[in-house]
Amino acid sequence: MDGEKIFQSYRIIDDFGGLSIYESIDFIFVNDSLEAYSQKVRGTVHEFIHELINYPNFYEDYYNDTPKSRRDLELAKEAIYREDCSKDELMEFICDNNSSYEEKLFILKALQGQIIEDDIVRLVKYFDSDALVRNDYLVKELFSLLGEYRNEKVYQLFLNYFSEAVGKDSKVDELITTYFDNYYH
């Protein structure tokens, strides 16, 4: 196996914030580009670390809850979604019921600037106003994304949500009123 690397395990910060080690047989490669990663070789161990979190003391800072390390990890996760998944794959992930709300949040950020009219319709259908009122974890990010588009279905989603949840979150209220103010301009 000239030059081919065999990965035996992966060290991953999971959805719960814990550092876990997973066997490589549990994964498939979706993208073999390692351009966004730094490589460290220690004997037979090849360590690939995303460039956004490749700095001394990252893990220590992360476990000590320093804001910079948490923010850098969030940015790295968004970049990984954006770099390794197509827009269609991201739309599939966000509209399935297997993705956590935290994962959906990263996907929404990764979709920024990529969606088209059909995607808007699909997102509005998936995230109806009743569900968003009950669980508002994604509202700000979803409305920031959808607020870029002048679309009747988005307008109706914003109107329905606003009529049920006005005053619940001033930043969301501001996003919606700005959308309404600019809709016909």
N, C-alpha and C. Protein backbone atom coordinates (compact mmCIF):
# COMPACT_ATOMS: atom_id res chain seq x y z
N MET A 1 0.83 -1.18 0.00
CA MET A 1 0.00 0.00 0.00
C MET A 1 0.88 1.24 0.00
N ASP A 2 1.53 1.50 -1.09
CA ASP A 2 2.45 2.61 -1.23
C ASP A 2 1.77 3.95 -0.99
N GLY A 3 2.15 4.62 0.08
CA GLY A 3 1.66 5.97 0.35
C GLY A 3 0.24 6.05 0.88
N GLU A 4 -0.49 4.95 0.89
CA GLU A 4 -1.87 4.99 1.36
C GLU A 4 -1.90 4.91 2.88
N LYS A 5 -2.69 5.77 3.48
CA LYS A 5 -2.80 5.79 4.93
C LYS A 5 -3.98 4.94 5.37
N ILE A 6 -3.82 4.20 6.43
CA ILE A 6 -4.91 3.42 6.99
C ILE A 6 -5.26 4.05 8.33
N PHE A 7 -6.51 4.49 8.43
CA PHE A 7 -6.97 5.13 9.65
C PHE A 7 -7.60 4.06 10.53
N GLN A 8 -7.14 3.97 11.76
CA GLN A 8 -7.66 2.95 12.65
C GLN A 8 -8.69 3.51 13.62
N SER A 9 -8.57 4.78 13.97
CA SER A 9 -9.56 5.38 14.86
C SER A 9 -9.60 6.88 14.64
N TYR A 10 -10.71 7.48 15.07
CA TYR A 10 -10.90 8.92 14.96
C TYR A 10 -11.22 9.48 16.34
N ARG A 11 -10.64 10.61 16.62
CA ARG A 11 -10.94 11.32 17.87
C ARG A 11 -11.88 12.46 17.48
N ILE A 12 -13.08 12.44 18.01
CA ILE A 12 -14.11 13.37 17.58
C ILE A 12 -14.80 13.99 18.79
N ILE A 13 -15.05 15.28 18.71
CA ILE A 13 -15.88 15.93 19.72
C ILE A 13 -17.32 15.71 19.27
N ASP A 14 -18.07 14.95 20.07
CA ASP A 14 -19.41 14.53 19.66
C ASP A 14 -20.48 15.58 19.96
N ASP A 15 -21.74 15.24 19.66
CA ASP A 15 -22.86 16.17 19.83
C ASP A 15 -23.06 16.60 21.28
N PHE A 16 -22.53 15.84 22.21
CA PHE A 16 -22.69 16.17 23.62
C PHE A 16 -21.49 16.95 24.17
N GLY A 17 -20.52 17.26 23.30
CA GLY A 17 -19.36 18.03 23.71
C GLY A 17 -18.23 17.20 24.26
N GLY A 18 -18.40 15.88 24.28
CA GLY A 18 -17.35 15.01 24.81
C GLY A 18 -16.40 14.57 23.72
N LEU A 19 -15.18 14.34 24.10
CA LEU A 19 -14.18 13.83 23.17
C LEU A 19 -14.29 12.31 23.17
N SER A 20 -14.58 11.75 22.01
CA SER A 20 -14.77 10.31 21.90
C SER A 20 -13.85 9.75 20.83
N ILE A 21 -13.50 8.50 21.00
CA ILE A 21 -12.68 7.81 20.01
C ILE A 21 -13.55 6.76 19.35
N TYR A 22 -13.57 6.79 18.03
CA TYR A 22 -14.39 5.87 17.25
C TYR A 22 -13.50 5.06 16.33
N GLU A 23 -13.85 3.81 16.12
CA GLU A 23 -13.12 2.95 15.20
C GLU A 23 -13.39 3.40 13.76
N SER A 24 -12.38 3.35 12.94
CA SER A 24 -12.51 3.82 11.56
C SER A 24 -13.47 2.97 10.74
N ILE A 25 -13.70 1.74 11.12
CA ILE A 25 -14.61 0.89 10.34
C ILE A 25 -16.05 1.39 10.43
N ASP A 26 -16.35 2.27 11.36
CA ASP A 26 -17.70 2.81 11.52
C ASP A 26 -17.97 3.99 10.58
N PHE A 27 -17.00 4.37 9.75
CA PHE A 27 -17.12 5.55 8.90
C PHE A 27 -16.88 5.20 7.44
N ILE A 28 -17.43 6.05 6.58
CA ILE A 28 -17.10 6.00 5.16
C ILE A 28 -16.59 7.38 4.77
N PHE A 29 -15.71 7.42 3.78
CA PHE A 29 -15.19 8.69 3.29
C PHE A 29 -16.20 9.29 2.33
N VAL A 30 -16.55 10.56 2.56
CA VAL A 30 -17.42 11.27 1.63
C VAL A 30 -16.61 12.29 0.84
N ASN A 31 -15.44 12.60 1.34
CA ASN A 31 -14.57 13.56 0.68
C ASN A 31 -13.15 13.26 1.14
N ASP A 32 -12.27 13.02 0.22
CA ASP A 32 -10.91 12.68 0.63
C ASP A 32 -9.95 13.87 0.62
N SER A 33 -10.50 15.06 0.46
CA SER A 33 -9.66 16.26 0.50
C SER A 33 -9.31 16.59 1.95
N LEU A 34 -8.05 16.81 2.18
CA LEU A 34 -7.60 17.16 3.53
C LEU A 34 -6.99 18.56 3.54
N GLU A 35 -7.36 19.39 2.57
CA GLU A 35 -6.77 20.72 2.44
C GLU A 35 -7.01 21.61 3.66
N ALA A 36 -8.14 21.45 4.32
CA ALA A 36 -8.47 22.30 5.46
C ALA A 36 -7.91 21.75 6.78
N TYR A 37 -7.06 20.74 6.68
CA TYR A 37 -6.54 20.08 7.87
C TYR A 37 -5.02 20.17 7.92
N SER A 38 -4.53 20.29 9.13
CA SER A 38 -3.09 20.19 9.35
C SER A 38 -2.79 18.75 9.73
N GLN A 39 -1.65 18.28 9.30
CA GLN A 39 -1.27 16.90 9.59
C GLN A 39 -0.07 16.88 10.52
N LYS A 40 -0.17 16.06 11.54
CA LYS A 40 0.96 15.81 12.44
C LYS A 40 1.22 14.31 12.40
N VAL A 41 2.49 13.95 12.28
CA VAL A 41 2.85 12.54 12.26
C VAL A 41 3.70 12.25 13.48
N ARG A 42 3.28 11.28 14.24
CA ARG A 42 4.02 10.83 15.42
C ARG A 42 4.19 9.32 15.30
N GLY A 43 5.32 8.91 14.81
CA GLY A 43 5.53 7.47 14.59
C GLY A 43 4.59 6.99 13.51
N THR A 44 3.73 6.05 13.87
CA THR A 44 2.75 5.51 12.90
C THR A 44 1.41 6.23 12.99
N VAL A 45 1.30 7.19 13.87
CA VAL A 45 0.03 7.91 14.06
C VAL A 45 0.02 9.16 13.19
N HIS A 46 -1.00 9.27 12.38
CA HIS A 46 -1.22 10.46 11.55
C HIS A 46 -2.41 11.18 12.12
N GLU A 47 -2.18 12.40 12.55
CA GLU A 47 -3.25 13.17 13.19
C GLU A 47 -3.63 14.32 12.26
N PHE A 48 -4.92 14.41 11.93
CA PHE A 48 -5.43 15.47 11.08
C PHE A 48 -6.35 16.35 11.92
N ILE A 49 -6.03 17.63 11.97
CA ILE A 49 -6.80 18.57 12.79
C ILE A 49 -7.24 19.71 11.90
N HIS A 50 -8.53 20.02 11.97
CA HIS A 50 -9.03 21.13 11.15
C HIS A 50 -8.25 22.39 11.51
N GLU A 51 -7.88 23.16 10.48
CA GLU A 51 -7.02 24.33 10.69
C GLU A 51 -7.62 25.36 11.66
N LEU A 52 -8.94 25.41 11.78
CA LEU A 52 -9.55 26.39 12.68
C LEU A 52 -9.37 26.05 14.16
N ILE A 53 -9.05 24.80 14.45
CA ILE A 53 -8.84 24.43 15.86
C ILE A 53 -7.44 23.85 16.08
N ASN A 54 -6.55 24.08 15.15
CA ASN A 54 -5.19 23.57 15.25
C ASN A 54 -4.29 24.60 15.91
N TYR A 55 -4.41 24.69 17.20
CA TYR A 55 -3.51 25.57 17.94
C TYR A 55 -3.23 24.96 19.31
N PRO A 56 -2.10 25.33 19.89
CA PRO A 56 -1.74 24.74 21.18
C PRO A 56 -2.84 24.99 22.22
N ASN A 57 -3.07 24.02 23.02
CA ASN A 57 -4.01 24.09 24.13
C ASN A 57 -5.48 24.13 23.71
N PHE A 58 -5.80 23.83 22.45
CA PHE A 58 -7.21 23.86 22.06
C PHE A 58 -8.05 22.95 22.96
N TYR A 59 -7.63 21.69 23.11
CA TYR A 59 -8.44 20.75 23.89
C TYR A 59 -8.57 21.20 25.34
N GLU A 60 -7.48 21.68 25.91
CA GLU A 60 -7.52 22.19 27.29
C GLU A 60 -8.48 23.38 27.39
N ASP A 61 -8.36 24.30 26.44
CA ASP A 61 -9.26 25.46 26.43
C ASP A 61 -10.71 25.04 26.23
N TYR A 62 -10.92 24.06 25.36
CA TYR A 62 -12.28 23.58 25.08
C TYR A 62 -12.91 23.01 26.35
N TYR A 63 -12.17 22.18 27.06
CA TYR A 63 -12.72 21.58 28.27
C TYR A 63 -12.82 22.56 29.43
N ASN A 64 -12.11 23.67 29.34
CA ASN A 64 -12.25 24.74 30.33
C ASN A 64 -13.30 25.76 29.91
N ASP A 65 -14.03 25.46 28.84
CA ASP A 65 -15.14 26.30 28.34
C ASP A 65 -14.72 27.72 27.99
N THR A 66 -13.54 27.88 27.43
CA THR A 66 -13.17 29.24 27.01
C THR A 66 -13.99 29.60 25.77
N PRO A 67 -14.50 30.81 25.72
CA PRO A 67 -15.35 31.23 24.59
C PRO A 67 -14.66 31.09 23.23
N LYS A 68 -13.38 31.41 23.15
CA LYS A 68 -12.68 31.33 21.86
C LYS A 68 -12.64 29.90 21.34
N SER A 69 -12.32 28.93 22.19
CA SER A 69 -12.24 27.54 21.72
C SER A 69 -13.62 27.03 21.32
N ARG A 70 -14.66 27.40 22.05
CA ARG A 70 -16.03 26.99 21.69
C ARG A 70 -16.44 27.60 20.34
N ARG A 71 -16.14 28.87 20.16
CA ARG A 71 -16.47 29.56 18.91
C ARG A 71 -15.68 28.96 17.74
N ASP A 72 -14.40 28.68 17.96
CA ASP A 72 -13.57 28.09 16.91
C ASP A 72 -14.09 26.70 16.50
N LEU A 73 -14.53 25.92 17.48
CA LEU A 73 -15.08 24.61 17.16
C LEU A 73 -16.37 24.75 16.36
N GLU A 74 -17.21 25.70 16.73
CA GLU A 74 -18.45 25.94 15.98
C GLU A 74 -18.12 26.31 14.53
N LEU A 75 -17.16 27.19 14.34
CA LEU A 75 -16.76 27.60 12.99
C LEU A 75 -16.18 26.43 12.20
N ALA A 76 -15.42 25.58 12.87
CA ALA A 76 -14.85 24.41 12.21
C ALA A 76 -15.95 23.45 11.77
N LYS A 77 -16.93 23.24 12.62
CA LYS A 77 -18.04 22.34 12.26
C LYS A 77 -18.82 22.90 11.07
N GLU A 78 -19.10 24.18 11.08
CA GLU A 78 -19.79 24.80 9.94
C GLU A 78 -18.97 24.62 8.66
N ALA A 79 -17.67 24.85 8.76
CA ALA A 79 -16.79 24.73 7.59
C ALA A 79 -16.77 23.30 7.08
N ILE A 80 -16.76 22.34 7.98
CA ILE A 80 -16.76 20.93 7.57
C ILE A 80 -18.04 20.60 6.80
N TYR A 81 -19.18 21.05 7.30
CA TYR A 81 -20.44 20.82 6.58
C TYR A 81 -20.38 21.48 5.20
N ARG A 82 -19.93 22.72 5.16
CA ARG A 82 -19.90 23.47 3.90
C ARG A 82 -18.93 22.84 2.89
N GLU A 83 -17.78 22.38 3.37
CA GLU A 83 -16.75 21.84 2.49
C GLU A 83 -17.02 20.40 2.05
N ASP A 84 -17.61 19.61 2.93
CA ASP A 84 -17.72 18.17 2.66
C ASP A 84 -19.09 17.71 2.18
N CYS A 85 -20.08 18.59 2.18
CA CYS A 85 -21.42 18.18 1.77
C CYS A 85 -21.93 19.10 0.67
N SER A 86 -22.65 18.53 -0.26
CA SER A 86 -23.29 19.34 -1.29
C SER A 86 -24.52 20.03 -0.68
N LYS A 87 -25.04 21.01 -1.37
CA LYS A 87 -26.25 21.70 -0.90
C LYS A 87 -27.40 20.71 -0.78
N ASP A 88 -27.52 19.81 -1.73
CA ASP A 88 -28.61 18.82 -1.69
C ASP A 88 -28.48 17.90 -0.47
N GLU A 89 -27.26 17.52 -0.15
CA GLU A 89 -27.05 16.69 1.05
C GLU A 89 -27.41 17.47 2.31
N LEU A 90 -27.02 18.73 2.35
CA LEU A 90 -27.36 19.55 3.51
C LEU A 90 -28.88 19.68 3.66
N MET A 91 -29.57 19.86 2.54
CA MET A 91 -31.04 19.96 2.59
C MET A 91 -31.64 18.64 3.09
N GLU A 92 -31.09 17.52 2.66
CA GLU A 92 -31.57 16.22 3.14
C GLU A 92 -31.39 16.10 4.65
N PHE A 93 -30.19 16.47 5.14
CA PHE A 93 -29.90 16.37 6.56
C PHE A 93 -30.83 17.24 7.40
N ILE A 94 -31.07 18.45 6.93
CA ILE A 94 -31.86 19.37 7.74
C ILE A 94 -33.33 18.99 7.79
N CYS A 95 -33.79 18.33 6.74
CA CYS A 95 -35.21 17.97 6.67
C CYS A 95 -35.49 16.53 7.11
N ASP A 96 -34.50 15.86 7.66
CA ASP A 96 -34.80 14.53 8.18
C ASP A 96 -34.97 14.63 9.69
N ASN A 97 -35.53 13.60 10.25
CA ASN A 97 -35.79 13.62 11.69
C ASN A 97 -34.68 12.98 12.50
N ASN A 98 -33.57 12.63 11.84
CA ASN A 98 -32.45 12.02 12.54
C ASN A 98 -31.42 13.03 13.03
N SER A 99 -31.44 14.23 12.47
CA SER A 99 -30.47 15.25 12.86
C SER A 99 -30.93 15.97 14.12
N SER A 100 -30.00 16.21 15.02
CA SER A 100 -30.33 16.96 16.24
C SER A 100 -30.53 18.43 15.89
N TYR A 101 -31.17 19.17 16.79
CA TYR A 101 -31.36 20.60 16.56
C TYR A 101 -30.01 21.32 16.47
N GLU A 102 -29.04 20.86 17.27
CA GLU A 102 -27.72 21.47 17.20
C GLU A 102 -27.11 21.26 15.81
N GLU A 103 -27.26 20.05 15.28
CA GLU A 103 -26.74 19.76 13.95
C GLU A 103 -27.47 20.58 12.89
N LYS A 104 -28.79 20.70 13.03
CA LYS A 104 -29.58 21.50 12.09
C LYS A 104 -29.12 22.96 12.09
N LEU A 105 -28.73 23.44 13.26
CA LEU A 105 -28.25 24.82 13.37
C LEU A 105 -26.98 25.02 12.53
N PHE A 106 -26.04 24.08 12.60
CA PHE A 106 -24.82 24.16 11.79
C PHE A 106 -25.15 24.06 10.31
N ILE A 107 -26.10 23.20 9.99
CA ILE A 107 -26.47 23.03 8.59
C ILE A 107 -27.09 24.32 8.05
N LEU A 108 -27.95 24.96 8.84
CA LEU A 108 -28.53 26.24 8.40
C LEU A 108 -27.43 27.26 8.10
N LYS A 109 -26.44 27.31 8.96
CA LYS A 109 -25.33 28.25 8.74
C LYS A 109 -24.54 27.87 7.50
N ALA A 110 -24.35 26.59 7.27
CA ALA A 110 -23.60 26.13 6.09
C ALA A 110 -24.38 26.39 4.80
N LEU A 111 -25.70 26.43 4.88
CA LEU A 111 -26.53 26.67 3.70
C LEU A 111 -26.58 28.14 3.28
N GLN A 112 -26.10 29.02 4.14
CA GLN A 112 -26.16 30.46 3.87
C GLN A 112 -25.65 30.77 2.47
N GLY A 113 -26.47 31.43 1.67
CA GLY A 113 -26.08 31.84 0.33
C GLY A 113 -26.18 30.76 -0.73
N GLN A 114 -26.66 29.56 -0.40
CA GLN A 114 -26.69 28.46 -1.36
C GLN A 114 -28.08 28.05 -1.81
N ILE A 115 -29.12 28.44 -1.09
CA ILE A 115 -30.43 27.88 -1.39
C ILE A 115 -31.12 28.60 -2.54
N ILE A 116 -32.02 27.86 -3.19
CA ILE A 116 -32.81 28.38 -4.31
C ILE A 116 -34.29 28.27 -3.95
N GLU A 117 -35.14 28.72 -4.84
CA GLU A 117 -36.59 28.77 -4.59
C GLU A 117 -37.17 27.44 -4.10
N ASP A 118 -36.81 26.34 -4.74
CA ASP A 118 -37.33 25.03 -4.32
C ASP A 118 -36.90 24.69 -2.89
N ASP A 119 -35.69 25.06 -2.53
CA ASP A 119 -35.20 24.81 -1.17
C ASP A 119 -35.98 25.62 -0.15
N ILE A 120 -36.30 26.85 -0.51
CA ILE A 120 -37.08 27.72 0.39
C ILE A 120 -38.43 27.08 0.67
N VAL A 121 -39.09 26.64 -0.37
CA VAL A 121 -40.40 26.00 -0.22
C VAL A 121 -40.28 24.77 0.69
N ARG A 122 -39.26 23.99 0.47
CA ARG A 122 -39.05 22.78 1.29
C ARG A 122 -38.78 23.13 2.76
N LEU A 123 -37.96 24.13 3.01
CA LEU A 123 -37.67 24.55 4.39
C LEU A 123 -38.92 25.08 5.08
N VAL A 124 -39.71 25.88 4.37
CA VAL A 124 -40.93 26.43 4.96
C VAL A 124 -41.91 25.31 5.29
N LYS A 125 -42.00 24.32 4.41
CA LYS A 125 -42.88 23.18 4.65
C LYS A 125 -42.43 22.39 5.88
N TYR A 126 -41.12 22.17 5.96
CA TYR A 126 -40.57 21.36 7.06
C TYR A 126 -40.67 22.09 8.40
N PHE A 127 -40.35 23.39 8.40
CA PHE A 127 -40.36 24.17 9.64
C PHE A 127 -41.62 25.03 9.68
N ASP A 128 -42.76 24.44 9.98
CA ASP A 128 -43.97 25.26 10.05
C ASP A 128 -43.97 26.10 11.33
N SER A 129 -44.80 27.12 11.35
CA SER A 129 -44.77 28.08 12.47
C SER A 129 -45.15 27.43 13.79
N ASP A 130 -46.07 26.47 13.79
CA ASP A 130 -46.47 25.81 15.04
C ASP A 130 -45.28 25.10 15.68
N ALA A 131 -44.52 24.36 14.86
CA ALA A 131 -43.35 23.64 15.38
C ALA A 131 -42.30 24.63 15.88
N LEU A 132 -42.12 25.74 15.18
CA LEU A 132 -41.12 26.73 15.60
C LEU A 132 -41.51 27.43 16.89
N VAL A 133 -42.80 27.66 17.10
CA VAL A 133 -43.25 28.28 18.35
C VAL A 133 -42.98 27.33 19.51
N ARG A 134 -43.24 26.04 19.30
CA ARG A 134 -43.02 25.05 20.37
C ARG A 134 -41.54 24.85 20.66
N ASN A 135 -40.71 24.94 19.65
CA ASN A 135 -39.27 24.73 19.84
C ASN A 135 -38.53 25.81 19.06
N ASP A 136 -38.18 26.87 19.72
CA ASP A 136 -37.62 28.04 19.04
C ASP A 136 -36.09 28.04 18.94
N TYR A 137 -35.47 26.90 19.13
CA TYR A 137 -34.01 26.80 19.11
C TYR A 137 -33.41 27.28 17.79
N LEU A 138 -34.10 27.00 16.69
CA LEU A 138 -33.55 27.31 15.36
C LEU A 138 -34.11 28.58 14.73
N VAL A 139 -35.06 29.23 15.38
CA VAL A 139 -35.80 30.31 14.75
C VAL A 139 -34.90 31.42 14.23
N LYS A 140 -34.00 31.92 15.07
CA LYS A 140 -33.14 33.05 14.64
C LYS A 140 -32.33 32.71 13.38
N GLU A 141 -31.70 31.55 13.40
CA GLU A 141 -30.86 31.17 12.26
C GLU A 141 -31.70 30.90 11.02
N LEU A 142 -32.82 30.19 11.19
CA LEU A 142 -33.69 29.90 10.06
C LEU A 142 -34.25 31.19 9.46
N PHE A 143 -34.72 32.10 10.31
CA PHE A 143 -35.29 33.34 9.82
C PHE A 143 -34.23 34.26 9.21
N SER A 144 -33.01 34.20 9.73
CA SER A 144 -31.91 34.96 9.11
C SER A 144 -31.66 34.45 7.70
N LEU A 145 -31.68 33.14 7.54
CA LEU A 145 -31.46 32.53 6.23
C LEU A 145 -32.62 32.85 5.28
N LEU A 146 -33.85 32.60 5.72
CA LEU A 146 -35.01 32.80 4.86
C LEU A 146 -35.29 34.28 4.61
N GLY A 147 -34.88 35.14 5.53
CA GLY A 147 -35.12 36.57 5.41
C GLY A 147 -34.43 37.21 4.23
N GLU A 148 -33.52 36.50 3.61
CA GLU A 148 -32.81 37.00 2.43
C GLU A 148 -33.67 36.92 1.17
N TYR A 149 -34.77 36.18 1.23
CA TYR A 149 -35.55 35.88 0.04
C TYR A 149 -36.95 36.46 0.11
N ARG A 150 -37.37 37.13 -0.96
CA ARG A 150 -38.73 37.67 -1.08
C ARG A 150 -39.58 36.57 -1.69
N ASN A 151 -40.35 35.92 -0.86
CA ASN A 151 -41.11 34.76 -1.27
C ASN A 151 -42.41 34.74 -0.46
N GLU A 152 -43.53 34.46 -1.12
CA GLU A 152 -44.84 34.47 -0.45
C GLU A 152 -44.92 33.45 0.68
N LYS A 153 -44.31 32.28 0.50
CA LYS A 153 -44.35 31.25 1.54
C LYS A 153 -43.53 31.68 2.76
N VAL A 154 -42.41 32.32 2.54
CA VAL A 154 -41.61 32.85 3.66
C VAL A 154 -42.40 33.94 4.37
N TYR A 155 -43.01 34.83 3.60
CA TYR A 155 -43.83 35.91 4.17
C TYR A 155 -44.91 35.32 5.07
N GLN A 156 -45.59 34.28 4.58
CA GLN A 156 -46.67 33.67 5.36
C GLN A 156 -46.14 32.98 6.61
N LEU A 157 -45.00 32.31 6.50
CA LEU A 157 -44.38 31.67 7.68
C LEU A 157 -44.05 32.72 8.73
N PHE A 158 -43.43 33.82 8.30
CA PHE A 158 -43.08 34.89 9.23
C PHE A 158 -44.33 35.48 9.87
N LEU A 159 -45.37 35.70 9.08
CA LEU A 159 -46.62 36.27 9.59
C LEU A 159 -47.27 35.34 10.61
N ASN A 160 -47.34 34.05 10.28
CA ASN A 160 -47.93 33.07 11.22
C ASN A 160 -47.13 32.99 12.51
N TYR A 161 -45.83 32.94 12.39
CA TYR A 161 -44.99 32.87 13.58
C TYR A 161 -45.14 34.13 14.42
N PHE A 162 -45.08 35.27 13.76
CA PHE A 162 -45.16 36.56 14.45
C PHE A 162 -46.48 36.70 15.19
N SER A 163 -47.57 36.25 14.59
CA SER A 163 -48.88 36.38 15.24
C SER A 163 -48.97 35.50 16.48
N GLU A 164 -48.21 34.41 16.52
CA GLU A 164 -48.24 33.51 17.68
C GLU A 164 -47.17 33.81 18.71
N ALA A 165 -46.06 34.41 18.31
CA ALA A 165 -44.91 34.50 19.21
C ALA A 165 -44.34 35.90 19.35
N VAL A 166 -45.08 36.93 18.94
CA VAL A 166 -44.58 38.29 19.06
C VAL A 166 -44.20 38.56 20.53
N GLY A 167 -43.05 39.17 20.71
CA GLY A 167 -42.57 39.49 22.06
C GLY A 167 -41.77 38.39 22.72
N LYS A 168 -41.74 37.21 22.14
CA LYS A 168 -41.00 36.08 22.74
C LYS A 168 -39.49 36.30 22.67
N ASP A 169 -39.02 36.88 21.55
CA ASP A 169 -37.59 37.13 21.36
C ASP A 169 -37.46 38.41 20.53
N SER A 170 -36.90 39.45 21.12
CA SER A 170 -36.84 40.75 20.45
C SER A 170 -36.01 40.71 19.16
N LYS A 171 -34.98 39.87 19.12
CA LYS A 171 -34.15 39.78 17.91
C LYS A 171 -34.93 39.13 16.76
N VAL A 172 -35.73 38.13 17.07
CA VAL A 172 -36.57 37.49 16.04
C VAL A 172 -37.64 38.48 15.59
N ASP A 173 -38.24 39.19 16.54
CA ASP A 173 -39.23 40.22 16.20
C ASP A 173 -38.63 41.24 15.24
N GLU A 174 -37.40 41.63 15.51
CA GLU A 174 -36.72 42.62 14.66
C GLU A 174 -36.45 42.05 13.26
N LEU A 175 -36.03 40.79 13.19
CA LEU A 175 -35.82 40.14 11.89
C LEU A 175 -37.11 40.15 11.07
N ILE A 176 -38.21 39.81 11.72
CA ILE A 176 -39.49 39.72 11.03
C ILE A 176 -39.98 41.10 10.60
N THR A 177 -39.91 42.07 11.48
CA THR A 177 -40.41 43.41 11.11
C THR A 177 -39.54 44.02 10.00
N THR A 178 -38.25 43.78 10.03
CA THR A 178 -37.37 44.26 8.95
C THR A 178 -37.76 43.58 7.64
N TYR A 179 -38.03 42.28 7.70
CA TYR A 179 -38.45 41.55 6.50
C TYR A 179 -39.74 42.16 5.94
N PHE A 180 -40.72 42.39 6.81
CA PHE A 180 -41.98 42.99 6.36
C PHE A 180 -41.76 44.39 5.80
N ASP A 181 -40.93 45.18 6.47
CA ASP A 181 -40.66 46.55 6.00
C ASP A 181 -40.03 46.57 4.62
N ASN A 182 -39.17 45.59 4.33
CA ASN A 182 -38.44 45.55 3.06
C ASN A 182 -39.08 44.70 1.99
N TYR A 183 -40.16 44.02 2.31
CA TYR A 183 -40.73 43.04 1.39
C TYR A 183 -41.12 43.62 0.05
N TYR A 184 -41.74 44.79 0.05
CA TYR A 184 -42.19 45.38 -1.21
C TYR A 184 -41.24 46.44 -1.77
N HIS A 185 -40.08 46.56 -1.20
CA HIS A 185 -39.11 47.56 -1.68
C HIS A 185 -38.10 46.95 -2.59
